[in-house]
Amino acid sequence: MVGEALGTVAATAARTLDDTRYLLPALTWQVAADQIADCVTTDHRAKHLRVLLLSAHALEAVWACRAALIRATGHNDDAERLADLLDGYLQPVHHTGLSGLIEAVDRVLAVLTLDLSIARTLAARVALNGEIGEGEEGRAAFDEVLAAPCGQSRCWIR
């Protein structure tokens, strides 16, 4: 849902040729949408776990989009078009609203910024090998990430 919604904003913003109408340039929306939509799915006992490997600029784009979405909830004149666009898309397609999208972005960001050394080990392993692998180290890293306490922030790993 997140990738689709951000992609919708990117496409609409690109058609207007106005970087301020949707609070961010179309390219920022598109970078965030592409990176979230192109996540790598692992398949090691938990098919619902997604490992998102992003460059620093892509992570900054996701944070910028989150800030723009929050601004759109304030219903000020600058953000009115963004709020209207997303309300018209999210409700009929995903049965949620702008607040639901922000919660979903927060879950994605909670994972992307999960600061555990073992999470970095797992991400590096997936980035270099394309998969967790069958070795003892890969399985141990995966299990430790799943068992990580998520009390500091809302955690998306279940």
N, C-alpha and C. Protein backbone atom coordinates (compact mmCIF):
# COMPACT_ATOMS: atom_id res chain seq x y z
N MET A 1 0.82 -1.19 0.00
CA MET A 1 0.00 0.00 0.00
C MET A 1 0.86 1.26 0.00
N VAL A 2 1.93 1.27 0.79
CA VAL A 2 2.75 2.48 0.92
C VAL A 2 3.39 2.84 -0.41
N GLY A 3 4.01 1.86 -1.06
CA GLY A 3 4.64 2.12 -2.35
C GLY A 3 3.65 2.61 -3.38
N GLU A 4 2.48 1.99 -3.42
CA GLU A 4 1.45 2.41 -4.38
C GLU A 4 0.98 3.84 -4.11
N ALA A 5 0.74 4.16 -2.86
CA ALA A 5 0.25 5.50 -2.51
C ALA A 5 1.29 6.57 -2.83
N LEU A 6 2.54 6.30 -2.47
CA LEU A 6 3.58 7.29 -2.77
C LEU A 6 3.80 7.41 -4.27
N GLY A 7 3.66 6.30 -4.99
CA GLY A 7 3.77 6.32 -6.45
C GLY A 7 2.65 7.13 -7.09
N THR A 8 1.46 7.05 -6.51
CA THR A 8 0.34 7.85 -7.01
C THR A 8 0.62 9.34 -6.86
N VAL A 9 1.17 9.72 -5.73
CA VAL A 9 1.53 11.13 -5.52
C VAL A 9 2.63 11.53 -6.52
N ALA A 10 3.61 10.65 -6.71
CA ALA A 10 4.71 10.95 -7.64
C ALA A 10 4.19 11.19 -9.05
N ALA A 11 3.31 10.31 -9.52
CA ALA A 11 2.77 10.44 -10.87
C ALA A 11 1.94 11.71 -11.02
N THR A 12 1.14 12.01 -10.02
CA THR A 12 0.31 13.22 -10.08
C THR A 12 1.18 14.47 -10.02
N ALA A 13 2.18 14.46 -9.14
CA ALA A 13 3.08 15.61 -9.02
C ALA A 13 3.87 15.82 -10.31
N ALA A 14 4.27 14.74 -10.95
CA ALA A 14 5.04 14.85 -12.20
C ALA A 14 4.19 15.47 -13.30
N ARG A 15 2.91 15.17 -13.34
CA ARG A 15 2.03 15.73 -14.36
C ARG A 15 1.80 17.22 -14.19
N THR A 16 1.89 17.70 -12.94
CA THR A 16 1.61 19.13 -12.70
C THR A 16 2.82 20.01 -13.01
N LEU A 17 4.01 19.42 -13.04
CA LEU A 17 5.26 20.17 -13.26
C LEU A 17 5.42 21.29 -12.25
N ASP A 18 4.96 21.05 -11.03
CA ASP A 18 5.03 22.04 -9.96
C ASP A 18 5.53 21.34 -8.70
N ASP A 19 6.77 21.64 -8.29
CA ASP A 19 7.36 20.95 -7.13
C ASP A 19 6.75 21.32 -5.80
N THR A 20 5.92 22.35 -5.74
CA THR A 20 5.36 22.77 -4.47
C THR A 20 3.92 22.32 -4.26
N ARG A 21 3.24 21.97 -5.32
CA ARG A 21 1.82 21.63 -5.21
C ARG A 21 1.58 20.41 -4.30
N TYR A 22 2.49 19.46 -4.31
CA TYR A 22 2.36 18.28 -3.48
C TYR A 22 3.46 18.21 -2.42
N LEU A 23 3.95 19.38 -2.03
CA LEU A 23 4.88 19.61 -0.93
C LEU A 23 6.32 19.15 -1.19
N LEU A 24 6.52 18.20 -2.08
CA LEU A 24 7.85 17.70 -2.41
C LEU A 24 7.95 17.54 -3.92
N PRO A 25 9.16 17.54 -4.44
CA PRO A 25 9.31 17.25 -5.87
C PRO A 25 8.82 15.84 -6.21
N ALA A 26 8.35 15.67 -7.41
CA ALA A 26 7.86 14.36 -7.84
C ALA A 26 8.94 13.29 -7.69
N LEU A 27 10.19 13.65 -7.93
CA LEU A 27 11.28 12.68 -7.84
C LEU A 27 11.43 12.13 -6.42
N THR A 28 11.24 12.97 -5.41
CA THR A 28 11.33 12.49 -4.02
C THR A 28 10.25 11.46 -3.75
N TRP A 29 9.03 11.75 -4.17
CA TRP A 29 7.94 10.79 -4.00
C TRP A 29 8.25 9.49 -4.73
N GLN A 30 8.80 9.61 -5.95
CA GLN A 30 9.07 8.42 -6.75
C GLN A 30 10.20 7.57 -6.17
N VAL A 31 11.26 8.20 -5.69
CA VAL A 31 12.37 7.46 -5.08
C VAL A 31 11.85 6.67 -3.88
N ALA A 32 11.08 7.31 -3.02
CA ALA A 32 10.54 6.62 -1.84
C ALA A 32 9.61 5.48 -2.27
N ALA A 33 8.74 5.73 -3.24
CA ALA A 33 7.81 4.70 -3.70
C ALA A 33 8.55 3.51 -4.30
N ASP A 34 9.52 3.78 -5.15
CA ASP A 34 10.27 2.70 -5.80
C ASP A 34 11.03 1.85 -4.80
N GLN A 35 11.66 2.50 -3.85
CA GLN A 35 12.47 1.76 -2.89
C GLN A 35 11.61 0.88 -1.99
N ILE A 36 10.47 1.38 -1.60
CA ILE A 36 9.59 0.58 -0.75
C ILE A 36 8.94 -0.55 -1.56
N ALA A 37 8.53 -0.26 -2.78
CA ALA A 37 7.88 -1.27 -3.61
C ALA A 37 8.84 -2.37 -4.05
N ASP A 38 10.11 -2.05 -4.18
CA ASP A 38 11.10 -3.03 -4.67
C ASP A 38 11.82 -3.76 -3.55
N CYS A 39 11.15 -3.94 -2.43
CA CYS A 39 11.81 -4.60 -1.32
C CYS A 39 12.10 -6.06 -1.63
N VAL A 40 13.11 -6.58 -0.97
CA VAL A 40 13.49 -7.97 -1.12
C VAL A 40 12.69 -8.79 -0.11
N THR A 41 12.05 -9.84 -0.56
CA THR A 41 11.28 -10.69 0.34
C THR A 41 12.11 -11.92 0.68
N THR A 42 12.25 -12.16 1.96
CA THR A 42 12.96 -13.36 2.38
C THR A 42 11.96 -14.48 2.55
N ASP A 43 12.41 -15.69 2.52
CA ASP A 43 11.53 -16.85 2.65
C ASP A 43 12.18 -17.88 3.56
N HIS A 44 12.34 -17.50 4.81
CA HIS A 44 12.98 -18.39 5.78
C HIS A 44 12.06 -18.50 6.99
N ARG A 45 11.13 -19.41 6.94
CA ARG A 45 10.17 -19.68 8.01
C ARG A 45 9.15 -18.58 8.23
N ALA A 46 9.32 -17.41 7.71
CA ALA A 46 8.35 -16.32 7.93
C ALA A 46 8.17 -15.58 6.61
N LYS A 47 7.23 -15.98 5.83
CA LYS A 47 7.07 -15.41 4.49
C LYS A 47 6.64 -13.95 4.53
N HIS A 48 6.18 -13.47 5.67
CA HIS A 48 5.71 -12.10 5.77
C HIS A 48 6.82 -11.11 6.11
N LEU A 49 8.03 -11.57 6.34
CA LEU A 49 9.13 -10.66 6.67
C LEU A 49 9.72 -10.09 5.39
N ARG A 50 9.90 -8.80 5.36
CA ARG A 50 10.51 -8.14 4.21
C ARG A 50 11.76 -7.41 4.69
N VAL A 51 12.83 -7.63 3.99
CA VAL A 51 14.07 -6.94 4.30
C VAL A 51 14.22 -5.84 3.27
N LEU A 52 14.20 -4.59 3.73
CA LEU A 52 14.29 -3.44 2.84
C LEU A 52 15.70 -2.90 2.87
N LEU A 53 16.34 -2.92 1.73
CA LEU A 53 17.71 -2.44 1.62
C LEU A 53 17.68 -1.12 0.87
N LEU A 54 17.96 -0.03 1.57
CA LEU A 54 17.87 1.30 0.98
C LEU A 54 19.17 2.06 1.10
N SER A 55 19.45 2.88 0.12
CA SER A 55 20.58 3.79 0.22
C SER A 55 20.18 4.95 1.14
N ALA A 56 21.16 5.72 1.56
CA ALA A 56 20.88 6.85 2.47
C ALA A 56 19.93 7.85 1.83
N HIS A 57 20.13 8.16 0.55
CA HIS A 57 19.24 9.14 -0.09
C HIS A 57 17.81 8.62 -0.20
N ALA A 58 17.64 7.32 -0.38
CA ALA A 58 16.29 6.75 -0.44
C ALA A 58 15.62 6.80 0.92
N LEU A 59 16.37 6.52 1.98
CA LEU A 59 15.82 6.61 3.32
C LEU A 59 15.42 8.05 3.64
N GLU A 60 16.24 9.01 3.23
CA GLU A 60 15.89 10.42 3.42
C GLU A 60 14.62 10.77 2.66
N ALA A 61 14.43 10.20 1.48
CA ALA A 61 13.21 10.46 0.70
C ALA A 61 11.98 9.92 1.43
N VAL A 62 12.11 8.74 2.04
CA VAL A 62 10.97 8.17 2.79
C VAL A 62 10.64 9.07 3.99
N TRP A 63 11.66 9.54 4.71
CA TRP A 63 11.42 10.45 5.83
C TRP A 63 10.78 11.76 5.36
N ALA A 64 11.22 12.28 4.22
CA ALA A 64 10.64 13.53 3.69
C ALA A 64 9.17 13.32 3.32
N CYS A 65 8.87 12.18 2.73
CA CYS A 65 7.47 11.88 2.39
C CYS A 65 6.62 11.75 3.64
N ARG A 66 7.15 11.13 4.67
CA ARG A 66 6.42 11.02 5.93
C ARG A 66 6.10 12.41 6.48
N ALA A 67 7.09 13.31 6.46
CA ALA A 67 6.87 14.67 6.96
C ALA A 67 5.80 15.38 6.14
N ALA A 68 5.80 15.17 4.83
CA ALA A 68 4.79 15.80 3.97
C ALA A 68 3.40 15.23 4.27
N LEU A 69 3.32 13.93 4.52
CA LEU A 69 2.03 13.31 4.85
C LEU A 69 1.49 13.84 6.17
N ILE A 70 2.37 14.02 7.13
CA ILE A 70 1.93 14.57 8.42
C ILE A 70 1.46 16.01 8.22
N ARG A 71 2.18 16.76 7.41
CA ARG A 71 1.76 18.14 7.12
C ARG A 71 0.38 18.17 6.46
N ALA A 72 0.09 17.17 5.63
CA ALA A 72 -1.19 17.12 4.94
C ALA A 72 -2.35 16.87 5.89
N THR A 73 -2.09 16.30 7.07
CA THR A 73 -3.18 16.09 8.03
C THR A 73 -3.62 17.38 8.69
N GLY A 74 -2.79 18.42 8.60
CA GLY A 74 -3.12 19.71 9.21
C GLY A 74 -4.11 20.52 8.41
N HIS A 75 -4.43 20.07 7.22
CA HIS A 75 -5.41 20.74 6.36
C HIS A 75 -5.10 22.22 6.14
N ASN A 76 -3.81 22.53 5.96
CA ASN A 76 -3.49 23.90 5.59
C ASN A 76 -3.53 24.01 4.07
N ASP A 77 -3.54 25.22 3.57
CA ASP A 77 -3.70 25.46 2.13
C ASP A 77 -2.62 24.80 1.29
N ASP A 78 -1.37 24.80 1.78
CA ASP A 78 -0.27 24.22 1.03
C ASP A 78 -0.43 22.71 0.84
N ALA A 79 -1.00 22.05 1.81
CA ALA A 79 -1.09 20.59 1.78
C ALA A 79 -2.46 20.08 1.36
N GLU A 80 -3.37 20.97 1.04
CA GLU A 80 -4.74 20.56 0.73
C GLU A 80 -4.82 19.62 -0.48
N ARG A 81 -4.04 19.90 -1.51
CA ARG A 81 -4.08 19.04 -2.70
C ARG A 81 -3.57 17.63 -2.39
N LEU A 82 -2.52 17.56 -1.59
CA LEU A 82 -1.98 16.25 -1.21
C LEU A 82 -3.01 15.46 -0.41
N ALA A 83 -3.63 16.09 0.56
CA ALA A 83 -4.65 15.42 1.38
C ALA A 83 -5.83 14.97 0.52
N ASP A 84 -6.29 15.81 -0.38
CA ASP A 84 -7.41 15.45 -1.25
C ASP A 84 -7.06 14.28 -2.16
N LEU A 85 -5.88 14.32 -2.74
CA LEU A 85 -5.44 13.24 -3.63
C LEU A 85 -5.40 11.91 -2.89
N LEU A 86 -4.78 11.89 -1.73
CA LEU A 86 -4.63 10.64 -1.00
C LEU A 86 -5.94 10.14 -0.42
N ASP A 87 -6.79 11.06 0.05
CA ASP A 87 -8.10 10.63 0.56
C ASP A 87 -8.91 9.97 -0.55
N GLY A 88 -8.86 10.55 -1.75
CA GLY A 88 -9.59 9.99 -2.89
C GLY A 88 -9.05 8.66 -3.36
N TYR A 89 -7.78 8.40 -3.09
CA TYR A 89 -7.16 7.13 -3.50
C TYR A 89 -7.24 6.07 -2.40
N LEU A 90 -6.88 6.43 -1.19
CA LEU A 90 -6.74 5.46 -0.11
C LEU A 90 -8.06 4.82 0.31
N GLN A 91 -9.10 5.61 0.42
CA GLN A 91 -10.37 5.08 0.93
C GLN A 91 -10.96 4.02 0.00
N PRO A 92 -11.14 4.30 -1.28
CA PRO A 92 -11.74 3.26 -2.12
C PRO A 92 -10.82 2.08 -2.43
N VAL A 93 -9.53 2.32 -2.51
CA VAL A 93 -8.60 1.25 -2.91
C VAL A 93 -8.13 0.42 -1.72
N HIS A 94 -7.76 1.08 -0.61
CA HIS A 94 -7.17 0.36 0.53
C HIS A 94 -8.02 0.42 1.80
N HIS A 95 -9.17 1.06 1.74
CA HIS A 95 -10.09 1.16 2.88
C HIS A 95 -9.41 1.75 4.11
N THR A 96 -8.63 2.77 3.89
CA THR A 96 -7.97 3.49 4.97
C THR A 96 -7.88 4.95 4.57
N GLY A 97 -7.36 5.75 5.45
CA GLY A 97 -7.20 7.17 5.17
C GLY A 97 -5.75 7.60 5.31
N LEU A 98 -5.55 8.88 5.37
CA LEU A 98 -4.21 9.45 5.48
C LEU A 98 -3.53 8.98 6.77
N SER A 99 -4.27 8.90 7.85
CA SER A 99 -3.67 8.44 9.11
C SER A 99 -3.22 6.98 9.00
N GLY A 100 -3.96 6.15 8.29
CA GLY A 100 -3.57 4.76 8.07
C GLY A 100 -2.30 4.65 7.24
N LEU A 101 -2.16 5.53 6.25
CA LEU A 101 -0.95 5.55 5.44
C LEU A 101 0.25 5.97 6.29
N ILE A 102 0.07 6.98 7.12
CA ILE A 102 1.16 7.44 7.99
C ILE A 102 1.58 6.32 8.94
N GLU A 103 0.63 5.59 9.49
CA GLU A 103 0.96 4.46 10.36
C GLU A 103 1.75 3.39 9.60
N ALA A 104 1.38 3.15 8.36
CA ALA A 104 2.10 2.16 7.56
C ALA A 104 3.52 2.63 7.26
N VAL A 105 3.67 3.91 6.95
CA VAL A 105 5.01 4.47 6.72
C VAL A 105 5.83 4.37 8.01
N ASP A 106 5.21 4.64 9.15
CA ASP A 106 5.91 4.51 10.44
C ASP A 106 6.40 3.09 10.67
N ARG A 107 5.58 2.09 10.30
CA ARG A 107 6.00 0.69 10.46
C ARG A 107 7.20 0.39 9.56
N VAL A 108 7.15 0.88 8.34
CA VAL A 108 8.28 0.68 7.43
C VAL A 108 9.53 1.34 7.99
N LEU A 109 9.40 2.57 8.46
CA LEU A 109 10.56 3.28 9.01
C LEU A 109 11.07 2.65 10.30
N ALA A 110 10.18 2.05 11.09
CA ALA A 110 10.62 1.36 12.31
C ALA A 110 11.57 0.23 11.96
N VAL A 111 11.28 -0.46 10.88
CA VAL A 111 12.14 -1.55 10.45
C VAL A 111 13.43 -1.00 9.84
N LEU A 112 13.30 0.01 9.00
CA LEU A 112 14.47 0.55 8.32
C LEU A 112 15.47 1.14 9.29
N THR A 113 14.99 1.61 10.42
CA THR A 113 15.88 2.25 11.38
C THR A 113 16.10 1.39 12.62
N LEU A 114 15.72 0.11 12.54
CA LEU A 114 15.97 -0.81 13.64
C LEU A 114 17.48 -0.90 13.84
N ASP A 115 17.96 -0.40 14.94
CA ASP A 115 19.40 -0.26 15.15
C ASP A 115 19.94 -1.37 16.03
N LEU A 116 20.00 -2.54 15.47
CA LEU A 116 20.60 -3.68 16.15
C LEU A 116 21.76 -4.14 15.28
N SER A 117 22.85 -4.46 15.89
CA SER A 117 23.99 -4.90 15.09
C SER A 117 23.64 -6.15 14.29
N ILE A 118 22.82 -7.01 14.87
CA ILE A 118 22.46 -8.23 14.17
C ILE A 118 21.57 -7.92 12.96
N ALA A 119 20.75 -6.86 13.04
CA ALA A 119 19.94 -6.45 11.89
C ALA A 119 20.84 -5.99 10.76
N ARG A 120 21.91 -5.27 11.11
CA ARG A 120 22.87 -4.85 10.07
C ARG A 120 23.57 -6.06 9.47
N THR A 121 23.89 -7.04 10.30
CA THR A 121 24.53 -8.27 9.80
C THR A 121 23.59 -8.99 8.83
N LEU A 122 22.33 -9.09 9.21
CA LEU A 122 21.36 -9.76 8.35
C LEU A 122 21.18 -9.00 7.05
N ALA A 123 21.07 -7.68 7.12
CA ALA A 123 20.90 -6.87 5.91
C ALA A 123 22.12 -7.00 5.00
N ALA A 124 23.31 -6.99 5.58
CA ALA A 124 24.52 -7.14 4.77
C ALA A 124 24.55 -8.51 4.10
N ARG A 125 24.15 -9.53 4.83
CA ARG A 125 24.13 -10.88 4.28
C ARG A 125 23.17 -10.98 3.10
N VAL A 126 21.98 -10.38 3.24
CA VAL A 126 21.01 -10.40 2.16
C VAL A 126 21.52 -9.57 0.98
N ALA A 127 22.14 -8.42 1.26
CA ALA A 127 22.65 -7.57 0.19
C ALA A 127 23.76 -8.26 -0.60
N LEU A 128 24.62 -8.96 0.08
CA LEU A 128 25.76 -9.59 -0.59
C LEU A 128 25.40 -10.93 -1.24
N ASN A 129 24.52 -11.68 -0.60
CA ASN A 129 24.19 -13.02 -1.10
C ASN A 129 22.84 -13.08 -1.81
N GLY A 130 22.01 -12.07 -1.64
CA GLY A 130 20.67 -12.10 -2.20
C GLY A 130 19.69 -12.95 -1.40
N GLU A 131 20.18 -13.58 -0.34
CA GLU A 131 19.32 -14.40 0.51
C GLU A 131 20.01 -14.60 1.86
N ILE A 132 19.27 -15.11 2.81
CA ILE A 132 19.84 -15.36 4.13
C ILE A 132 20.79 -16.54 4.08
N GLY A 133 20.44 -17.55 3.33
CA GLY A 133 21.30 -18.72 3.20
C GLY A 133 20.96 -19.78 4.23
N GLU A 134 21.50 -20.93 4.02
CA GLU A 134 21.20 -22.06 4.89
C GLU A 134 22.20 -22.22 6.02
N GLY A 135 23.26 -21.42 6.04
CA GLY A 135 24.29 -21.56 7.06
C GLY A 135 23.78 -21.20 8.45
N GLU A 136 24.49 -21.68 9.43
CA GLU A 136 24.16 -21.46 10.83
C GLU A 136 24.11 -19.97 11.17
N GLU A 137 25.08 -19.19 10.66
CA GLU A 137 25.16 -17.76 10.97
C GLU A 137 23.94 -17.00 10.43
N GLY A 138 23.52 -17.31 9.23
CA GLY A 138 22.36 -16.65 8.63
C GLY A 138 21.09 -16.92 9.39
N ARG A 139 20.88 -18.18 9.74
CA ARG A 139 19.67 -18.53 10.50
C ARG A 139 19.69 -17.90 11.88
N ALA A 140 20.86 -17.86 12.52
CA ALA A 140 20.96 -17.26 13.85
C ALA A 140 20.66 -15.77 13.79
N ALA A 141 21.18 -15.09 12.78
CA ALA A 141 20.92 -13.65 12.62
C ALA A 141 19.44 -13.40 12.40
N PHE A 142 18.82 -14.20 11.54
CA PHE A 142 17.39 -14.07 11.26
C PHE A 142 16.56 -14.27 12.52
N ASP A 143 16.85 -15.32 13.26
CA ASP A 143 16.11 -15.61 14.48
C ASP A 143 16.28 -14.50 15.52
N GLU A 144 17.48 -13.95 15.62
CA GLU A 144 17.72 -12.88 16.59
C GLU A 144 16.96 -11.60 16.22
N VAL A 145 16.89 -11.28 14.94
CA VAL A 145 16.12 -10.10 14.52
C VAL A 145 14.65 -10.31 14.85
N LEU A 146 14.12 -11.50 14.59
CA LEU A 146 12.71 -11.77 14.90
C LEU A 146 12.43 -11.69 16.40
N ALA A 147 13.40 -12.05 17.21
CA ALA A 147 13.21 -12.06 18.65
C ALA A 147 13.55 -10.72 19.31
N ALA A 148 14.01 -9.75 18.53
CA ALA A 148 14.46 -8.47 19.09
C ALA A 148 13.32 -7.76 19.81
N PRO A 149 13.60 -7.19 20.98
CA PRO A 149 12.58 -6.41 21.69
C PRO A 149 12.34 -5.12 20.93
N CYS A 150 11.10 -4.79 20.76
CA CYS A 150 10.75 -3.61 19.98
C CYS A 150 10.06 -2.57 20.84
N GLY A 151 10.38 -2.50 22.08
CA GLY A 151 9.74 -1.57 22.99
C GLY A 151 10.08 -0.12 22.74
N GLN A 152 11.25 0.15 22.12
CA GLN A 152 11.65 1.54 21.91
C GLN A 152 10.76 2.24 20.90
N SER A 153 10.27 1.51 19.92
CA SER A 153 9.43 2.11 18.90
C SER A 153 8.43 1.06 18.45
N ARG A 154 7.48 1.48 17.66
CA ARG A 154 6.55 0.51 17.12
C ARG A 154 7.32 -0.40 16.18
N CYS A 155 7.21 -1.67 16.39
CA CYS A 155 7.98 -2.61 15.59
C CYS A 155 7.06 -3.35 14.63
N TRP A 156 7.55 -3.55 13.43
CA TRP A 156 6.77 -4.17 12.38
C TRP A 156 7.08 -5.64 12.25
N ILE A 157 8.16 -6.08 12.86
CA ILE A 157 8.55 -7.48 12.74
C ILE A 157 7.70 -8.31 13.70
N ARG A 158 7.02 -9.31 13.16
CA ARG A 158 6.21 -10.20 13.98
C ARG A 158 6.45 -11.61 13.57
